Amino acid sequence: MPYANQPTVRITELTDENVKFIVENTELSVANALRRVLMAEVATLGELAFIVCTRHPHQVGESHTCFLFAAIDWVQIDANSSVLHDEFIAHRIGLIPLTSDDIVDKMQYSRDCTCDEFCPECSVELTLDVKCNEDQTRHVTSRDLLSNNSRVIPVTSRSRDNDPNDYVEQDDILIVKLRKGQELRLRAYAKKGFGKEHAKWNPTAGVSFEYDPDNALRHTVFPKPEEWPKSEYSELDDEEIQAPYDPNGKPERFYFNVESSGALRPETIVLSALSGLKKKLSDLQTMLSHEIQSDVLTIN
């Protein structure tokens, strides 16, 4: 049986950071479902943050060990004499996006792994060991996070070669600032997850779509239409403000813009989301078939 609609996709722009494409001949509900899957159900690697601390709260600046569970999913802080407390640092580290393109599909979710804690099948270890020995303030950044897997590194380190001087300093993500005598030493593990569990696993910096660039459907009411900026997809002449009202119109063309956080390439995010949405629909169809068969047997 043929589908009621035959959607088509046309890519209009593709860069290292974002992809723009147009989806036609489908429903608004399908476009919105795709948007939600793009943000919430594409798996990436991230770092963690529940805290159990073995150090007395007044022992500030002394060597200690704290265990924090976050997306870098687990952090052991061995020394922290900075002005930021352990939970703050764990939270900042947990939100640093890690490159996941070449490994995420090969890794297991930690809940499905047979290991006791961490293993190469379900996690990646990262370490950080910085001490300020100079009068000048030392900036601790994502550049200082060292991974035991060359395919999983902070996204700001991806374009840098082995030369430690070959980087643009402002591109690195600041974790904390240290003064002379202060140090930060920790070990962390990144695990596989998706945005619906925690925002740290969201592979996108933003996902948007529009379906009525000339406002012919009047789903948006502009107080002063002449002051509203035109969409880049507008088909109106320069002197026209908005299209004539179409009371019988319905959305059928959707202009998507997907911006990556850097963890995955934008095209990988879109393909993974489409695969996930297809699986959801297939599972729904299978469950519905089973329910219908069960009802028929019950009636008989």
Protein backbone atom coordinates (compact mmCIF):
# COMPACT_ATOMS: atom_id res chain seq x y z
CA MET A 1 0.00 0.00 0.00
CA PRO A 2 1.56 3.34 -0.98
CA TYR A 3 2.04 6.05 1.62
CA ALA A 4 -0.37 8.99 1.60
CA ASN A 5 2.57 11.40 1.26
CA GLN A 6 5.89 11.04 -0.50
CA PRO A 7 8.16 13.51 1.34
CA THR A 8 11.18 14.94 -0.44
CA VAL A 9 14.32 16.46 1.09
CA ARG A 10 16.55 19.01 -0.57
CA ILE A 11 19.80 20.16 1.05
CA THR A 12 20.47 23.86 0.46
CA GLU A 13 23.59 24.40 2.57
CA LEU A 14 26.10 22.15 4.33
CA THR A 15 29.09 23.33 6.38
CA ASP A 16 31.17 21.92 9.23
CA GLU A 17 28.83 23.57 11.73
CA ASN A 18 25.33 23.45 10.31
CA VAL A 19 23.08 22.05 7.61
CA LYS A 20 20.05 23.67 6.00
CA PHE A 21 17.49 21.57 4.12
CA ILE A 22 13.90 21.73 2.90
CA VAL A 23 11.34 18.99 3.57
CA GLU A 24 8.25 18.99 1.32
CA ASN A 25 5.00 17.03 1.03
CA THR A 26 4.67 16.10 4.68
CA GLU A 27 2.73 17.16 7.78
CA LEU A 28 3.59 19.75 10.42
CA SER A 29 3.47 16.99 13.07
CA VAL A 30 6.16 15.01 11.22
CA ALA A 31 8.42 18.07 10.91
CA ASN A 32 8.05 18.82 14.62
CA ALA A 33 8.72 15.18 15.51
CA LEU A 34 11.94 15.34 13.50
CA ARG A 35 12.95 18.55 15.31
CA ARG A 36 12.42 16.91 18.71
CA VAL A 37 14.35 13.77 17.76
CA LEU A 38 17.24 15.89 16.46
CA MET A 39 17.61 17.54 19.86
CA ALA A 40 16.69 14.75 22.27
CA GLU A 41 17.38 11.31 20.82
CA VAL A 42 20.66 11.37 18.89
CA ALA A 43 23.37 9.66 20.96
CA THR A 44 26.68 11.38 21.78
CA LEU A 45 29.42 11.08 24.38
CA GLY A 46 29.36 13.38 27.37
CA GLU A 47 30.87 13.84 30.83
CA LEU A 48 28.89 13.44 34.80
CA ALA A 49 27.89 15.07 38.26
CA PHE A 50 26.30 13.53 41.43
CA ILE A 51 28.68 14.19 44.30
CA VAL A 52 29.96 12.11 47.17
CA CYS A 53 32.89 13.84 48.87
CA THR A 54 35.32 12.26 51.34
CA ARG A 55 36.81 15.64 52.36
CA HIS A 56 35.60 17.71 55.31
CA PRO A 57 34.09 20.97 53.98
CA HIS A 58 36.55 23.16 55.95
CA GLN A 59 39.65 21.49 54.48
CA VAL A 60 39.76 23.92 51.58
CA GLY A 61 42.93 23.74 49.51
CA GLU A 62 44.15 20.42 50.91
CA SER A 63 44.68 17.34 48.82
CA HIS A 64 41.51 15.26 48.74
CA THR A 65 39.45 12.89 46.67
CA CYS A 66 35.86 13.57 45.63
CA PHE A 67 33.68 11.42 43.43
CA LEU A 68 31.18 13.13 41.16
CA PHE A 69 28.78 11.47 38.79
CA ALA A 70 27.83 13.67 35.74
CA ALA A 71 27.98 13.27 31.57
CA ILE A 72 31.69 13.44 31.57
CA ASP A 73 29.72 10.94 33.55
CA TRP A 74 32.05 10.42 36.49
CA VAL A 75 34.70 12.76 37.89
CA GLN A 76 37.26 12.03 40.58
CA ILE A 77 38.82 15.24 41.87
CA ASP A 78 42.14 14.50 43.58
CA ALA A 79 43.14 18.13 44.21
CA ASN A 80 41.26 21.41 43.93
CA SER A 81 42.58 24.55 45.55
CA SER A 82 40.90 26.91 43.07
CA VAL A 83 38.22 29.43 44.05
CA LEU A 84 35.47 27.22 42.56
CA HIS A 85 34.06 24.32 44.55
CA ASP A 86 34.03 20.75 43.27
CA GLU A 87 30.39 20.65 42.10
CA PHE A 88 30.87 23.84 40.06
CA ILE A 89 33.93 22.45 38.28
CA ALA A 90 32.27 19.08 37.65
CA HIS A 91 29.27 20.84 36.11
CA ARG A 92 31.47 22.96 33.82
CA ILE A 93 33.49 19.94 32.70
CA GLY A 94 30.33 17.92 32.11
CA LEU A 95 29.03 20.45 29.57
CA ILE A 96 32.16 20.46 27.40
CA PRO A 97 31.16 18.81 24.06
CA LEU A 98 33.34 15.89 23.02
CA THR A 99 33.88 14.63 19.47
CA SER A 100 31.83 11.47 18.99
CA ASP A 101 31.56 10.94 15.24
CA ASP A 102 33.84 7.95 14.79
CA ILE A 103 33.06 6.05 17.97
CA VAL A 104 29.59 6.65 19.37
CA ASP A 105 27.88 3.93 17.29
CA LYS A 106 30.50 1.38 18.38
CA MET A 107 30.14 2.06 22.11
CA GLN A 108 27.61 0.52 24.46
CA TYR A 109 25.40 2.37 26.90
CA SER A 110 26.83 1.90 30.39
CA ARG A 111 23.53 0.36 31.52
CA ASP A 112 23.96 -2.38 28.90
CA CYS A 113 27.65 -3.07 29.55
CA THR A 114 28.73 -6.09 31.60
CA CYS A 115 31.66 -4.32 33.32
CA ASP A 116 31.54 -3.33 36.99
CA GLU A 117 32.33 0.37 36.53
CA PHE A 118 34.16 1.58 33.42
CA CYS A 119 35.73 -0.14 30.45
CA PRO A 120 36.76 0.82 26.88
CA GLU A 121 33.49 -0.65 25.57
CA CYS A 122 31.30 1.89 27.40
CA SER A 123 33.50 4.83 28.46
CA VAL A 124 36.47 7.04 27.63
CA GLU A 125 38.89 8.31 30.30
CA LEU A 126 40.03 11.95 30.42
CA THR A 127 42.55 13.48 32.82
CA LEU A 128 43.46 17.01 33.84
CA ASP A 129 46.49 18.02 35.91
CA VAL A 130 47.34 21.74 36.10
CA LYS A 131 49.27 23.74 38.72
CA CYS A 132 50.02 27.46 38.53
CA ASN A 133 53.67 28.15 39.40
CA GLU A 134 53.89 31.70 38.05
CA ASP A 135 52.63 35.09 39.14
CA GLN A 136 50.48 35.34 36.02
CA THR A 137 46.97 33.87 36.20
CA ARG A 138 46.77 30.40 34.62
CA HIS A 139 43.64 29.70 32.57
CA VAL A 140 42.57 26.05 32.79
CA THR A 141 40.64 25.24 29.60
CA SER A 142 39.32 22.32 27.59
CA ARG A 143 42.78 22.21 26.01
CA ASP A 144 44.09 20.76 29.30
CA LEU A 145 41.69 17.78 29.20
CA LEU A 146 43.68 14.81 27.87
CA SER A 147 41.84 11.78 26.52
CA ASN A 148 43.01 8.17 26.33
CA ASN A 149 41.16 7.87 23.00
CA SER A 150 42.27 10.12 20.15
CA ARG A 151 38.77 9.99 18.63
CA VAL A 152 37.12 11.49 21.73
CA ILE A 153 38.52 14.93 22.57
CA PRO A 154 37.02 18.35 23.38
CA VAL A 155 35.64 19.80 20.16
CA THR A 156 37.89 22.85 20.50
CA SER A 157 40.94 20.57 20.24
CA ARG A 158 39.82 18.84 17.04
CA SER A 159 41.53 21.19 14.57
CA ARG A 160 44.75 21.47 16.57
CA ASP A 161 47.79 19.38 15.67
CA ASN A 162 50.27 17.88 18.12
CA ASP A 163 52.08 21.19 18.42
CA PRO A 164 50.84 22.67 21.73
CA ASN A 165 51.35 26.19 20.40
CA ASP A 166 49.19 25.55 17.32
CA TYR A 167 45.81 26.68 18.58
CA VAL A 168 43.62 29.74 18.90
CA GLU A 169 43.40 30.45 22.61
CA GLN A 170 39.97 32.05 22.57
CA ASP A 171 38.48 28.92 20.98
CA ASP A 172 39.15 26.84 24.10
CA ILE A 173 36.46 26.58 26.78
CA LEU A 174 37.46 28.10 30.11
CA ILE A 175 37.01 25.82 33.14
CA VAL A 176 38.64 27.83 35.95
CA LYS A 177 41.41 30.39 36.60
CA LEU A 178 44.32 29.56 38.94
CA ARG A 179 46.64 31.88 40.83
CA LYS A 180 50.18 31.00 41.94
CA GLY A 181 50.20 27.91 44.16
CA GLN A 182 46.71 26.73 43.19
CA GLU A 183 46.13 23.46 41.35
CA LEU A 184 43.44 21.29 39.85
CA ARG A 185 43.89 17.57 39.30
CA LEU A 186 41.11 15.21 38.29
CA ARG A 187 40.13 12.10 36.33
CA ALA A 188 36.87 11.81 34.42
CA TYR A 189 34.96 9.29 32.31
CA ALA A 190 32.71 10.12 29.37
CA LYS A 191 29.75 7.89 28.62
CA LYS A 192 27.24 7.47 25.84
CA GLY A 193 23.83 9.11 26.22
CA PHE A 194 21.23 11.32 24.54
CA GLY A 195 19.68 14.71 25.15
CA LYS A 196 16.42 13.39 26.61
CA GLU A 197 18.41 12.12 29.60
CA HIS A 198 20.49 15.28 30.08
CA ALA A 199 21.28 18.41 28.07
CA LYS A 200 25.01 17.58 28.12
CA TRP A 201 24.28 14.87 25.53
CA ASN A 202 22.43 17.22 23.16
CA PRO A 203 24.43 17.17 19.88
CA THR A 204 22.84 20.39 18.61
CA ALA A 205 23.41 24.02 19.50
CA GLY A 206 20.07 24.87 17.90
CA VAL A 207 17.39 23.32 15.68
CA SER A 208 14.79 25.47 13.97
CA PHE A 209 12.32 25.24 11.13
CA GLU A 210 9.80 27.57 9.53
CA TYR A 211 6.93 26.73 7.23
CA ASP A 212 5.26 30.03 6.29
CA PRO A 213 7.96 32.57 5.40
CA ASP A 214 5.45 35.05 3.94
CA ASN A 215 2.84 34.61 6.72
CA ALA A 216 0.06 33.62 4.34
CA LEU A 217 -1.51 31.35 6.98
CA ARG A 218 -1.53 34.12 9.62
CA HIS A 219 -0.33 31.75 12.36
CA THR A 220 1.69 34.77 13.52
CA VAL A 221 0.08 38.16 14.00
CA PHE A 222 2.52 41.06 13.60
CA PRO A 223 1.54 44.30 15.40
CA LYS A 224 3.34 46.22 12.66
CA PRO A 225 4.04 43.90 9.71
CA GLU A 226 6.12 46.54 7.91
CA GLU A 227 8.64 46.54 10.78
CA TRP A 228 9.06 42.76 10.85
CA PRO A 229 12.20 41.42 9.09
CA LYS A 230 11.56 39.23 6.08
CA SER A 231 12.51 35.57 6.08
CA GLU A 232 15.46 34.50 3.97
CA TYR A 233 13.00 32.15 2.22
CA SER A 234 10.50 34.89 1.37
CA GLU A 235 9.21 34.96 -2.21
CA LEU A 236 7.68 38.44 -1.94
CA ASP A 237 8.82 41.52 -3.83
CA ASP A 238 10.68 44.19 -1.87
CA GLU A 239 7.66 46.46 -1.57
CA GLU A 240 5.34 43.66 -0.32
CA ILE A 241 5.02 43.17 3.43
CA GLN A 242 3.26 39.80 3.71
CA ALA A 243 1.34 37.45 1.45
CA PRO A 244 -2.45 37.60 1.10
CA TYR A 245 -4.30 35.53 3.68
CA ASP A 246 -4.96 31.95 2.56
CA PRO A 247 -7.71 30.50 4.80
CA ASN A 248 -7.50 27.06 3.18
CA GLY A 249 -3.74 26.76 3.15
CA LYS A 250 -1.80 24.25 5.23
CA PRO A 251 1.92 23.78 5.91
CA GLU A 252 3.60 21.45 3.41
CA ARG A 253 7.11 22.88 3.04
CA PHE A 254 9.49 23.13 6.00
CA TYR A 255 12.82 24.98 6.04
CA PHE A 256 15.18 23.37 8.58
CA ASN A 257 18.40 24.71 10.06
CA VAL A 258 20.40 22.31 12.25
CA GLU A 259 23.46 23.69 14.04
CA SER A 260 25.88 21.20 15.59
CA SER A 261 27.56 21.64 18.98
CA GLY A 262 30.64 20.03 17.43
CA ALA A 263 30.18 16.60 18.97
CA LEU A 264 28.82 15.20 15.68
CA ARG A 265 28.92 16.43 12.10
CA PRO A 266 25.61 18.09 11.16
CA GLU A 267 24.87 15.54 8.43
CA THR A 268 25.47 12.71 10.94
CA ILE A 269 22.97 14.29 13.35
CA VAL A 270 20.28 14.47 10.66
CA LEU A 271 20.85 10.92 9.39
CA SER A 272 20.85 9.53 12.96
CA ALA A 273 17.64 11.40 13.77
CA LEU A 274 15.91 10.10 10.64
CA SER A 275 17.01 6.58 11.49
CA GLY A 276 15.69 6.95 15.05
CA LEU A 277 12.37 8.38 13.88
CA LYS A 278 11.99 5.58 11.34
CA LYS A 279 12.61 2.98 14.06
CA LYS A 280 10.00 4.58 16.33
CA LEU A 281 7.40 4.48 13.56
CA SER A 282 8.32 0.89 12.71
CA ASP A 283 7.99 -0.16 16.37
CA LEU A 284 4.62 1.60 16.59
CA GLN A 285 3.41 -0.19 13.47
CA THR A 286 4.55 -3.54 14.87
CA MET A 287 2.86 -2.95 18.23
CA LEU A 288 -0.34 -1.83 16.52
CA SER A 289 -0.37 -5.02 14.41
CA HIS A 290 0.04 -7.14 17.54
CA GLU A 291 -2.81 -5.28 19.26
CA ILE A 292 -5.12 -5.79 16.28
CA GLN A 293 -4.30 -9.51 16.13
CA SER A 294 -4.87 -9.80 19.87
CA ASP A 295 -8.27 -8.10 19.57
CA VAL A 296 -9.30 -10.41 16.73
CA LEU A 297 -8.38 -13.49 18.77
CA THR A 298 -10.28 -12.15 21.77
CA ILE A 299 -13.43 -11.54 19.69
CA ASN A 300 -13.23 -15.02 18.17
